[in-house]
């Protein structure tokens, strides 16, 4: 608007009627410029008064941002069942754990005591520690997590019950944590996956295979433990004699995280820092499988 002021004044100076005629207060038509200047000054306070209104709206915008729901965690809505192998009190109750149960392909003991390192660190203690670490990580990522046992001083549950817990939870994925007890020269980890047996597991054999690959790759990358030198191929082993797999109706795998009877593997498994690293790696594998 300011760029037009000079031409307008020039026209008004020559043709008074074009700019509204003579000033009613007696000023000549050619003296209209001061009135225009005054009108500009009157409009400036109005512009300044509008600025506080804009500033007042800022707190409302900030409040709206604070009211927005937080971003969803990557595993929101996912249910994961963790099965810590064996139990710390199993050795006290052979009458319970030796009871035979039906795993569809054969009859097997309800549970076992598991193995241990040469200096007595038990598989049951190891699996409980890794499982509770894994549960915390998964929950922090939004997952609903269920464990098949609540501590490391009890007995069981039987392998059939461990499968039933995952089935009842309608788990999106289930994993059974173990450590092996092979010969002292054998080392490395491997994943155990189900085969089709003409039973309930058949419909999840394919998805269990995908879960196993995701866990294998994440565990290898996250821990540096090599593939097993003594069982399976590329750390993958398929079995039809495990009740925890045969009776599962949800995607499920076992992991033998290392060999407790091998000095090198045992040193890792005994380390709290390694167990945390293992838990993170397993969480990453489960999350990758679940597409989160």
C-alpha atoms as a PDB file:
ATOM      1  CA  UNK A   1       0.000   0.000   0.000  1.00  0.00           C
ATOM      2  CA  UNK A   2       2.838   2.453   0.708  1.00  0.00           C
ATOM      3  CA  UNK A   3       4.132   2.249  -2.881  1.00  0.00           C
ATOM      4  CA  UNK A   4       0.855   3.756  -4.169  1.00  0.00           C
ATOM      5  CA  UNK A   5       0.877   6.835  -1.918  1.00  0.00           C
ATOM      6  CA  UNK A   6       2.892   9.183  -4.156  1.00  0.00           C
ATOM      7  CA  UNK A   7       0.866   8.668  -7.387  1.00  0.00           C
ATOM      8  CA  UNK A   8      -2.378   9.047  -5.490  1.00  0.00           C
ATOM      9  CA  UNK A   9      -1.300  12.356  -4.003  1.00  0.00           C
ATOM     10  CA  UNK A  10      -0.222  13.641  -7.378  1.00  0.00           C
ATOM     11  CA  UNK A  11      -3.631  12.914  -8.873  1.00  0.00           C
ATOM     12  CA  UNK A  12      -5.386  14.476  -5.922  1.00  0.00           C
ATOM     13  CA  UNK A  13      -3.346  17.654  -6.285  1.00  0.00           C
ATOM     14  CA  UNK A  14      -4.623  18.159  -9.856  1.00  0.00           C
ATOM     15  CA  UNK A  15      -8.203  16.902  -9.564  1.00  0.00           C
ATOM     16  CA  UNK A  16      -9.682  17.585  -6.171  1.00  0.00           C
ATOM     17  CA  UNK A  17     -12.982  15.934  -6.956  1.00  0.00           C
ATOM     18  CA  UNK A  18     -11.235  12.629  -7.651  1.00  0.00           C
ATOM     19  CA  UNK A  19     -10.147  12.467  -4.003  1.00  0.00           C
ATOM     20  CA  UNK A  20     -13.405  13.389  -2.376  1.00  0.00           C
ATOM     21  CA  UNK A  21     -13.521  17.187  -2.890  1.00  0.00           C
ATOM     22  CA  UNK A  22     -12.522  19.905  -0.444  1.00  0.00           C
ATOM     23  CA  UNK A  23     -11.648  19.266   3.220  1.00  0.00           C
ATOM     24  CA  UNK A  24     -14.795  19.917   5.308  1.00  0.00           C
ATOM     25  CA  UNK A  25     -12.561  21.720   7.829  1.00  0.00           C
ATOM     26  CA  UNK A  26     -11.444  24.201   5.162  1.00  0.00           C
ATOM     27  CA  UNK A  27      -8.230  22.564   3.985  1.00  0.00           C
ATOM     28  CA  UNK A  28      -7.476  22.641   0.281  1.00  0.00           C
ATOM     29  CA  UNK A  29      -7.676  19.442  -1.707  1.00  0.00           C
ATOM     30  CA  UNK A  30      -3.934  19.510  -2.290  1.00  0.00           C
ATOM     31  CA  UNK A  31      -3.411  19.294   1.515  1.00  0.00           C
ATOM     32  CA  UNK A  32      -4.880  15.812   1.834  1.00  0.00           C
ATOM     33  CA  UNK A  33      -1.462  14.198   2.425  1.00  0.00           C
ATOM     34  CA  UNK A  34      -1.238  14.989   6.164  1.00  0.00           C
ATOM     35  CA  UNK A  35      -4.632  13.348   6.724  1.00  0.00           C
ATOM     36  CA  UNK A  36      -3.366  10.172   4.981  1.00  0.00           C
ATOM     37  CA  UNK A  37      -0.254  10.162   7.175  1.00  0.00           C
ATOM     38  CA  UNK A  38      -2.386  10.459  10.296  1.00  0.00           C
ATOM     39  CA  UNK A  39      -4.571   7.562   9.253  1.00  0.00           C
ATOM     40  CA  UNK A  40      -1.494   5.327   8.948  1.00  0.00           C
ATOM     41  CA  UNK A  41      -0.469   6.195  12.489  1.00  0.00           C
ATOM     42  CA  UNK A  42      -3.919   5.270  13.739  1.00  0.00           C
ATOM     43  CA  UNK A  43      -3.762   1.827  12.168  1.00  0.00           C
ATOM     44  CA  UNK A  44      -0.410   0.820  13.739  1.00  0.00           C
ATOM     45  CA  UNK A  45      -1.713   0.453  17.334  1.00  0.00           C
ATOM     46  CA  UNK A  46      -4.415  -1.911  16.034  1.00  0.00           C
ATOM     47  CA  UNK A  47      -1.756  -4.143  14.459  1.00  0.00           C
ATOM     48  CA  UNK A  48       0.258  -4.136  17.693  1.00  0.00           C
ATOM     49  CA  UNK A  49      -2.821  -5.024  19.743  1.00  0.00           C
ATOM     50  CA  UNK A  50      -3.401  -8.142  17.640  1.00  0.00           C
ATOM     51  CA  UNK A  51       0.019  -9.618  18.520  1.00  0.00           C
ATOM     52  CA  UNK A  52      -0.813 -10.556  22.149  1.00  0.00           C
ATOM     53  CA  UNK A  53      -3.753 -12.610  20.846  1.00  0.00           C
ATOM     54  CA  UNK A  54      -1.362 -14.689  18.746  1.00  0.00           C
ATOM     55  CA  UNK A  55       0.935 -15.134  21.742  1.00  0.00           C
ATOM     56  CA  UNK A  56      -1.973 -16.200  23.952  1.00  0.00           C
ATOM     57  CA  UNK A  57      -2.760 -19.071  21.554  1.00  0.00           C
ATOM     58  CA  UNK A  58       0.716 -20.601  21.986  1.00  0.00           C
ATOM     59  CA  UNK A  59       0.031 -22.162  25.445  1.00  0.00           C
ATOM     60  CA  UNK A  60      -3.103 -23.756  23.998  1.00  0.00           C
ATOM     61  CA  UNK A  61      -1.038 -25.344  21.227  1.00  0.00           C
ATOM     62  CA  UNK A  62       1.532 -26.619  23.755  1.00  0.00           C
ATOM     63  CA  UNK A  63      -1.275 -28.072  25.876  1.00  0.00           C
ATOM     64  CA  UNK A  64      -2.705 -29.856  22.837  1.00  0.00           C
ATOM     65  CA  UNK A  65       0.685 -31.421  22.135  1.00  0.00           C
ATOM     66  CA  UNK A  66       0.936 -32.662  25.724  1.00  0.00           C
ATOM     67  CA  UNK A  67      -2.509 -34.256  25.481  1.00  0.00           C
ATOM     68  CA  UNK A  68      -1.538 -36.341  22.445  1.00  0.00           C
ATOM     69  CA  UNK A  69      -1.149 -40.063  23.301  1.00  0.00           C
ATOM     70  CA  UNK A  70       2.436 -41.389  23.501  1.00  0.00           C
ATOM     71  CA  UNK A  71       3.836 -43.303  20.575  1.00  0.00           C
ATOM     72  CA  UNK A  72       3.150 -47.037  20.679  1.00  0.00           C
ATOM     73  CA  UNK A  73       5.940 -49.387  21.759  1.00  0.00           C
ATOM     74  CA  UNK A  74       7.113 -51.835  19.064  1.00  0.00           C
ATOM     75  CA  UNK A  75       5.590 -54.909  20.748  1.00  0.00           C
ATOM     76  CA  UNK A  76       2.300 -53.390  21.891  1.00  0.00           C
ATOM     77  CA  UNK A  77      -0.473 -55.968  21.647  1.00  0.00           C
ATOM     78  CA  UNK A  78       1.909 -58.942  21.338  1.00  0.00           C
ATOM     79  CA  UNK A  79       1.815 -61.879  23.766  1.00  0.00           C
ATOM     80  CA  UNK A  80       5.055 -63.784  24.322  1.00  0.00           C
ATOM     81  CA  UNK A  81       5.522 -66.862  26.510  1.00  0.00           C
ATOM     82  CA  UNK A  82       8.968 -67.614  27.929  1.00  0.00           C
ATOM     83  CA  UNK A  83       9.703 -71.113  29.207  1.00  0.00           C
ATOM     84  CA  UNK A  84      12.764 -71.226  31.525  1.00  0.00           C
ATOM     85  CA  UNK A  85      13.951 -74.816  31.183  1.00  0.00           C
ATOM     86  CA  UNK A  86      13.781 -77.171  34.218  1.00  0.00           C
ATOM     87  CA  UNK A  87      13.451 -75.858  37.808  1.00  0.00           C
ATOM     88  CA  UNK A  88      15.781 -75.470  40.768  1.00  0.00           C
ATOM     89  CA  UNK A  89      13.846 -77.861  43.009  1.00  0.00           C
ATOM     90  CA  UNK A  90      13.420 -80.697  40.512  1.00  0.00           C
ATOM     91  CA  UNK A  91      16.214 -82.782  42.007  1.00  0.00           C
ATOM     92  CA  UNK A  92      14.305 -82.965  45.308  1.00  0.00           C
ATOM     93  CA  UNK A  93      11.247 -84.617  43.777  1.00  0.00           C
ATOM     94  CA  UNK A  94      12.206 -87.469  41.441  1.00  0.00           C
ATOM     95  CA  UNK A  95       8.782 -89.002  42.104  1.00  0.00           C
ATOM     96  CA  UNK A  96       7.200 -86.028  40.328  1.00  0.00           C
ATOM     97  CA  UNK A  97       9.630 -85.277  37.547  1.00  0.00           C
ATOM     98  CA  UNK A  98      10.117 -88.922  36.549  1.00  0.00           C
ATOM     99  CA  UNK A  99       6.405 -89.484  36.071  1.00  0.00           C
ATOM    100  CA  UNK A 100       5.745 -90.429  32.446  1.00  0.00           C
ATOM    101  CA  UNK A 101       3.623 -88.142  30.275  1.00  0.00           C
ATOM    102  CA  UNK A 102       2.348 -88.486  26.723  1.00  0.00           C
ATOM    103  CA  UNK A 103       4.048 -86.249  24.153  1.00  0.00           C
ATOM    104  CA  UNK A 104       2.152 -87.874  21.259  1.00  0.00           C
ATOM    105  CA  UNK A 105       5.162 -89.520  19.659  1.00  0.00           C
ATOM    106  CA  UNK A 106       6.236 -91.329  22.838  1.00  0.00           C
ATOM    107  CA  UNK A 107       6.082 -91.293  26.637  1.00  0.00           C
ATOM    108  CA  UNK A 108       8.664 -89.153  28.423  1.00  0.00           C
ATOM    109  CA  UNK A 109       9.523 -87.948  31.924  1.00  0.00           C
ATOM    110  CA  UNK A 110       7.457 -85.027  33.201  1.00  0.00           C
ATOM    111  CA  UNK A 111      10.671 -82.967  33.461  1.00  0.00           C
ATOM    112  CA  UNK A 112      14.387 -83.339  34.235  1.00  0.00           C
ATOM    113  CA  UNK A 113      16.906 -81.650  36.476  1.00  0.00           C
ATOM    114  CA  UNK A 114      18.876 -80.251  33.536  1.00  0.00           C
ATOM    115  CA  UNK A 115      22.651 -80.019  33.421  1.00  0.00           C
ATOM    116  CA  UNK A 116      25.281 -77.749  34.992  1.00  0.00           C
ATOM    117  CA  UNK A 117      28.769 -76.383  34.500  1.00  0.00           C
ATOM    118  CA  UNK A 118      31.666 -78.423  35.896  1.00  0.00           C
ATOM    119  CA  UNK A 119      31.770 -76.135  38.930  1.00  0.00           C
ATOM    120  CA  UNK A 120      28.065 -76.554  39.703  1.00  0.00           C
ATOM    121  CA  UNK A 121      26.257 -73.599  38.081  1.00  0.00           C
ATOM    122  CA  UNK A 122      22.943 -75.211  37.192  1.00  0.00           C
ATOM    123  CA  UNK A 123      21.081 -74.973  33.923  1.00  0.00           C
ATOM    124  CA  UNK A 124      17.907 -74.192  35.888  1.00  0.00           C
ATOM    125  CA  UNK A 125      19.543 -71.145  37.509  1.00  0.00           C
ATOM    126  CA  UNK A 126      20.916 -69.993  34.169  1.00  0.00           C
ATOM    127  CA  UNK A 127      17.618 -70.319  32.316  1.00  0.00           C
ATOM    128  CA  UNK A 128      15.729 -68.517  35.073  1.00  0.00           C
ATOM    129  CA  UNK A 129      18.171 -65.606  35.040  1.00  0.00           C
ATOM    130  CA  UNK A 130      18.128 -65.181  31.261  1.00  0.00           C
ATOM    131  CA  UNK A 131      14.341 -65.584  31.127  1.00  0.00           C
ATOM    132  CA  UNK A 132      13.650 -62.888  33.723  1.00  0.00           C
ATOM    133  CA  UNK A 133      16.038 -60.525  31.959  1.00  0.00           C
ATOM    134  CA  UNK A 134      14.322 -61.268  28.666  1.00  0.00           C
ATOM    135  CA  UNK A 135      10.884 -60.684  30.197  1.00  0.00           C
ATOM    136  CA  UNK A 136      11.899 -57.225  31.438  1.00  0.00           C
ATOM    137  CA  UNK A 137      13.205 -56.225  28.027  1.00  0.00           C
ATOM    138  CA  UNK A 138      10.126 -57.449  26.185  1.00  0.00           C
ATOM    139  CA  UNK A 139       7.791 -55.689  28.615  1.00  0.00           C
ATOM    140  CA  UNK A 140       9.724 -52.455  28.171  1.00  0.00           C
ATOM    141  CA  UNK A 141       9.007 -52.797  24.457  1.00  0.00           C
ATOM    142  CA  UNK A 142       5.276 -53.156  25.087  1.00  0.00           C
ATOM    143  CA  UNK A 143       4.756 -56.930  25.048  1.00  0.00           C
ATOM    144  CA  UNK A 144       2.568 -58.937  27.413  1.00  0.00           C
ATOM    145  CA  UNK A 145       4.875 -61.631  28.803  1.00  0.00           C
ATOM    146  CA  UNK A 146       4.058 -64.868  30.632  1.00  0.00           C
ATOM    147  CA  UNK A 147       6.580 -67.279  32.146  1.00  0.00           C
ATOM    148  CA  UNK A 148       5.901 -70.977  32.625  1.00  0.00           C
ATOM    149  CA  UNK A 149       7.298 -70.904  36.159  1.00  0.00           C
ATOM    150  CA  UNK A 150       7.419 -68.197  38.810  1.00  0.00           C
ATOM    151  CA  UNK A 151      10.758 -68.903  40.472  1.00  0.00           C
ATOM    152  CA  UNK A 152      13.727 -71.264  40.666  1.00  0.00           C
ATOM    153  CA  UNK A 153      13.017 -73.174  43.875  1.00  0.00           C
ATOM    154  CA  UNK A 154       9.975 -75.207  42.817  1.00  0.00           C
ATOM    155  CA  UNK A 155       9.313 -78.373  40.851  1.00  0.00           C
ATOM    156  CA  UNK A 156       8.201 -78.624  37.226  1.00  0.00           C
ATOM    157  CA  UNK A 157       5.831 -77.899  35.626  1.00  0.00           C
ATOM    158  CA  UNK A 158       5.679 -80.938  33.380  1.00  0.00           C
ATOM    159  CA  UNK A 159       6.594 -80.466  29.738  1.00  0.00           C
ATOM    160  CA  UNK A 160       2.953 -80.973  28.772  1.00  0.00           C
ATOM    161  CA  UNK A 161       1.884 -78.148  31.071  1.00  0.00           C
ATOM    162  CA  UNK A 162       4.567 -75.838  29.689  1.00  0.00           C
ATOM    163  CA  UNK A 163       3.087 -76.239  26.220  1.00  0.00           C
ATOM    164  CA  UNK A 164      -0.433 -75.714  27.574  1.00  0.00           C
ATOM    165  CA  UNK A 165       0.539 -72.380  29.152  1.00  0.00           C
ATOM    166  CA  UNK A 166       1.566 -70.994  25.777  1.00  0.00           C
ATOM    167  CA  UNK A 167      -1.551 -72.371  24.116  1.00  0.00           C
ATOM    168  CA  UNK A 168      -3.881 -70.902  26.738  1.00  0.00           C
ATOM    169  CA  UNK A 169      -2.209 -67.501  26.414  1.00  0.00           C
ATOM    170  CA  UNK A 170      -2.702 -67.627  22.624  1.00  0.00           C
ATOM    171  CA  UNK A 171       0.904 -66.488  22.392  1.00  0.00           C
ATOM    172  CA  UNK A 172       2.152 -64.787  19.256  1.00  0.00           C
ATOM    173  CA  UNK A 173       5.475 -66.507  19.965  1.00  0.00           C
ATOM    174  CA  UNK A 174       6.909 -68.839  22.605  1.00  0.00           C
ATOM    175  CA  UNK A 175      10.512 -69.699  23.392  1.00  0.00           C
ATOM    176  CA  UNK A 176      12.043 -72.276  25.739  1.00  0.00           C
ATOM    177  CA  UNK A 177      15.446 -71.297  27.153  1.00  0.00           C
ATOM    178  CA  UNK A 178      18.071 -74.013  27.743  1.00  0.00           C
ATOM    179  CA  UNK A 179      21.795 -74.729  27.883  1.00  0.00           C
ATOM    180  CA  UNK A 180      23.199 -78.064  26.743  1.00  0.00           C
ATOM    181  CA  UNK A 181      25.259 -80.715  28.498  1.00  0.00           C
ATOM    182  CA  UNK A 182      27.282 -82.235  25.650  1.00  0.00           C
ATOM    183  CA  UNK A 183      30.909 -83.386  25.529  1.00  0.00           C
ATOM    184  CA  UNK A 184      33.669 -81.032  26.726  1.00  0.00           C
ATOM    185  CA  UNK A 185      35.011 -80.449  23.199  1.00  0.00           C
ATOM    186  CA  UNK A 186      31.581 -79.548  21.801  1.00  0.00           C
ATOM    187  CA  UNK A 187      30.608 -75.908  21.757  1.00  0.00           C
ATOM    188  CA  UNK A 188      28.251 -73.357  20.250  1.00  0.00           C
ATOM    189  CA  UNK A 189      24.491 -72.839  20.258  1.00  0.00           C
ATOM    190  CA  UNK A 190      21.603 -74.279  18.297  1.00  0.00           C
ATOM    191  CA  UNK A 191      17.868 -73.825  17.802  1.00  0.00           C
ATOM    192  CA  UNK A 192      15.425 -76.751  18.090  1.00  0.00           C
ATOM    193  CA  UNK A 193      12.291 -76.551  15.944  1.00  0.00           C
ATOM    194  CA  UNK A 194       9.257 -78.834  15.580  1.00  0.00           C
ATOM    195  CA  UNK A 195       8.435 -81.336  12.854  1.00  0.00           C
ATOM    196  CA  UNK A 196       5.025 -82.326  11.571  1.00  0.00           C
ATOM    197  CA  UNK A 197       3.797 -85.321  13.571  1.00  0.00           C
ATOM    198  CA  UNK A 198       0.119 -85.482  12.625  1.00  0.00           C
ATOM    199  CA  UNK A 199      -0.693 -83.520  15.771  1.00  0.00           C
ATOM    200  CA  UNK A 200      -1.541 -80.012  17.032  1.00  0.00           C
ATOM    201  CA  UNK A 201       1.886 -78.604  16.233  1.00  0.00           C
ATOM    202  CA  UNK A 202       1.542 -79.258  12.502  1.00  0.00           C
ATOM    203  CA  UNK A 203      -0.254 -75.996  11.768  1.00  0.00           C
ATOM    204  CA  UNK A 204       2.532 -73.914  13.330  1.00  0.00           C
ATOM    205  CA  UNK A 205       5.568 -75.793  12.012  1.00  0.00           C
ATOM    206  CA  UNK A 206       6.052 -73.190   9.262  1.00  0.00           C
ATOM    207  CA  UNK A 207       5.740 -70.182  11.546  1.00  0.00           C
ATOM    208  CA  UNK A 208       7.954 -71.879  14.144  1.00  0.00           C
ATOM    209  CA  UNK A 209      10.599 -72.254  11.448  1.00  0.00           C
ATOM    210  CA  UNK A 210      10.505 -68.526  10.755  1.00  0.00           C
ATOM    211  CA  UNK A 211      10.714 -67.812  14.470  1.00  0.00           C
ATOM    212  CA  UNK A 212      13.721 -70.127  14.767  1.00  0.00           C
ATOM    213  CA  UNK A 213      15.595 -68.398  11.952  1.00  0.00           C
ATOM    214  CA  UNK A 214      14.936 -64.955  13.437  1.00  0.00           C
ATOM    215  CA  UNK A 215      16.136 -66.055  16.883  1.00  0.00           C
ATOM    216  CA  UNK A 216      19.187 -67.838  15.465  1.00  0.00           C
ATOM    217  CA  UNK A 217      20.341 -64.820  13.476  1.00  0.00           C
ATOM    218  CA  UNK A 218      19.781 -62.360  16.314  1.00  0.00           C
ATOM    219  CA  UNK A 219      21.515 -64.566  18.894  1.00  0.00           C
ATOM    220  CA  UNK A 220      24.552 -65.081  16.688  1.00  0.00           C
ATOM    221  CA  UNK A 221      24.790 -61.362  15.927  1.00  0.00           C
ATOM    222  CA  UNK A 222      24.145 -60.208  19.482  1.00  0.00           C
ATOM    223  CA  UNK A 223      26.370 -62.631  21.409  1.00  0.00           C
ATOM    224  CA  UNK A 224      29.056 -63.795  18.995  1.00  0.00           C
ATOM    225  CA  UNK A 225      28.514 -67.425  20.062  1.00  0.00           C
ATOM    226  CA  UNK A 226      29.231 -69.663  17.043  1.00  0.00           C
ATOM    227  CA  UNK A 227      26.871 -72.231  15.577  1.00  0.00           C
ATOM    228  CA  UNK A 228      26.950 -75.616  17.276  1.00  0.00           C
ATOM    229  CA  UNK A 229      29.857 -77.817  16.232  1.00  0.00           C
ATOM    230  CA  UNK A 230      28.150 -81.052  17.264  1.00  0.00           C
ATOM    231  CA  UNK A 231      24.450 -80.980  16.384  1.00  0.00           C
ATOM    232  CA  UNK A 232      22.175 -79.676  13.679  1.00  0.00           C
ATOM    233  CA  UNK A 233      23.052 -77.834  10.495  1.00  0.00           C
ATOM    234  CA  UNK A 234      23.733 -74.091  10.608  1.00  0.00           C
ATOM    235  CA  UNK A 235      22.573 -74.202  14.229  1.00  0.00           C
ATOM    236  CA  UNK A 236      19.163 -75.635  13.268  1.00  0.00           C
ATOM    237  CA  UNK A 237      17.884 -78.938  14.645  1.00  0.00           C
ATOM    238  CA  UNK A 238      14.432 -80.434  13.984  1.00  0.00           C
ATOM    239  CA  UNK A 239      12.898 -82.831  16.518  1.00  0.00           C
ATOM    240  CA  UNK A 240       9.665 -84.722  17.072  1.00  0.00           C
ATOM    241  CA  UNK A 241      10.282 -86.025  20.605  1.00  0.00           C
ATOM    242  CA  UNK A 242       9.853 -82.864  22.685  1.00  0.00           C
ATOM    243  CA  UNK A 243       6.496 -82.428  24.391  1.00  0.00           C
ATOM    244  CA  UNK A 244       6.993 -78.680  24.666  1.00  0.00           C
ATOM    245  CA  UNK A 245       6.988 -78.515  20.861  1.00  0.00           C
ATOM    246  CA  UNK A 246       4.721 -81.434  19.877  1.00  0.00           C
ATOM    247  CA  UNK A 247       1.831 -80.127  21.964  1.00  0.00           C
ATOM    248  CA  UNK A 248       2.202 -76.466  21.055  1.00  0.00           C
ATOM    249  CA  UNK A 249      -0.489 -74.768  18.990  1.00  0.00           C
ATOM    250  CA  UNK A 250       1.463 -71.484  18.854  1.00  0.00           C
ATOM    251  CA  UNK A 251       4.797 -70.759  17.133  1.00  0.00           C
ATOM    252  CA  UNK A 252       7.499 -72.074  19.449  1.00  0.00           C
ATOM    253  CA  UNK A 253      11.208 -72.972  19.472  1.00  0.00           C
ATOM    254  CA  UNK A 254      13.848 -74.101  21.949  1.00  0.00           C
ATOM    255  CA  UNK A 255      17.304 -72.549  22.134  1.00  0.00           C
ATOM    256  CA  UNK A 256      20.345 -74.331  23.559  1.00  0.00           C
ATOM    257  CA  UNK A 257      22.346 -71.178  24.273  1.00  0.00           C
ATOM    258  CA  UNK A 258      25.681 -72.960  24.668  1.00  0.00           C
ATOM    259  CA  UNK A 259      27.279 -76.104  26.102  1.00  0.00           C
ATOM    260  CA  UNK A 260      27.708 -75.926  29.870  1.00  0.00           C
ATOM    261  CA  UNK A 261      30.275 -78.735  29.784  1.00  0.00           C
ATOM    262  CA  UNK A 262      32.590 -76.813  27.469  1.00  0.00           C
ATOM    263  CA  UNK A 263      34.976 -74.522  29.358  1.00  0.00           C
ATOM    264  CA  UNK A 264      34.691 -71.639  26.886  1.00  0.00           C
ATOM    265  CA  UNK A 265      30.911 -71.729  26.673  1.00  0.00           C
ATOM    266  CA  UNK A 266      30.582 -72.194  30.435  1.00  0.00           C
ATOM    267  CA  UNK A 267      32.631 -69.067  31.126  1.00  0.00           C
ATOM    268  CA  UNK A 268      30.209 -67.051  28.999  1.00  0.00           C
ATOM    269  CA  UNK A 269      27.077 -68.588  30.501  1.00  0.00           C
ATOM    270  CA  UNK A 270      28.292 -67.844  34.030  1.00  0.00           C
ATOM    271  CA  UNK A 271      28.806 -64.153  33.227  1.00  0.00           C
ATOM    272  CA  UNK A 272      25.946 -61.764  34.175  1.00  0.00           C
ATOM    273  CA  UNK A 273      27.089 -59.396  31.419  1.00  0.00           C
ATOM    274  CA  UNK A 274      26.824 -62.182  28.859  1.00  0.00           C
ATOM    275  CA  UNK A 275      23.403 -63.246  30.151  1.00  0.00           C
ATOM    276  CA  UNK A 276      22.157 -59.694  29.661  1.00  0.00           C
ATOM    277  CA  UNK A 277      23.613 -59.655  26.164  1.00  0.00           C
ATOM    278  CA  UNK A 278      21.894 -62.969  25.442  1.00  0.00           C
ATOM    279  CA  UNK A 279      18.556 -61.634  26.695  1.00  0.00           C
ATOM    280  CA  UNK A 280      18.788 -58.554  24.465  1.00  0.00           C
ATOM    281  CA  UNK A 281      19.665 -60.713  21.467  1.00  0.00           C
ATOM    282  CA  UNK A 282      16.703 -63.031  22.092  1.00  0.00           C
ATOM    283  CA  UNK A 283      14.383 -60.038  22.449  1.00  0.00           C
ATOM    284  CA  UNK A 284      15.652 -58.687  19.136  1.00  0.00           C
ATOM    285  CA  UNK A 285      15.008 -62.036  17.461  1.00  0.00           C
ATOM    286  CA  UNK A 286      11.460 -62.243  18.794  1.00  0.00           C
ATOM    287  CA  UNK A 287      10.766 -58.663  17.791  1.00  0.00           C
ATOM    288  CA  UNK A 288      12.086 -59.266  14.288  1.00  0.00           C
ATOM    289  CA  UNK A 289       9.896 -62.342  13.918  1.00  0.00           C
ATOM    290  CA  UNK A 290       6.841 -60.409  15.086  1.00  0.00           C
ATOM    291  CA  UNK A 291       7.529 -57.745  12.485  1.00  0.00           C
ATOM    292  CA  UNK A 292       7.819 -54.951  15.005  1.00  0.00           C
END
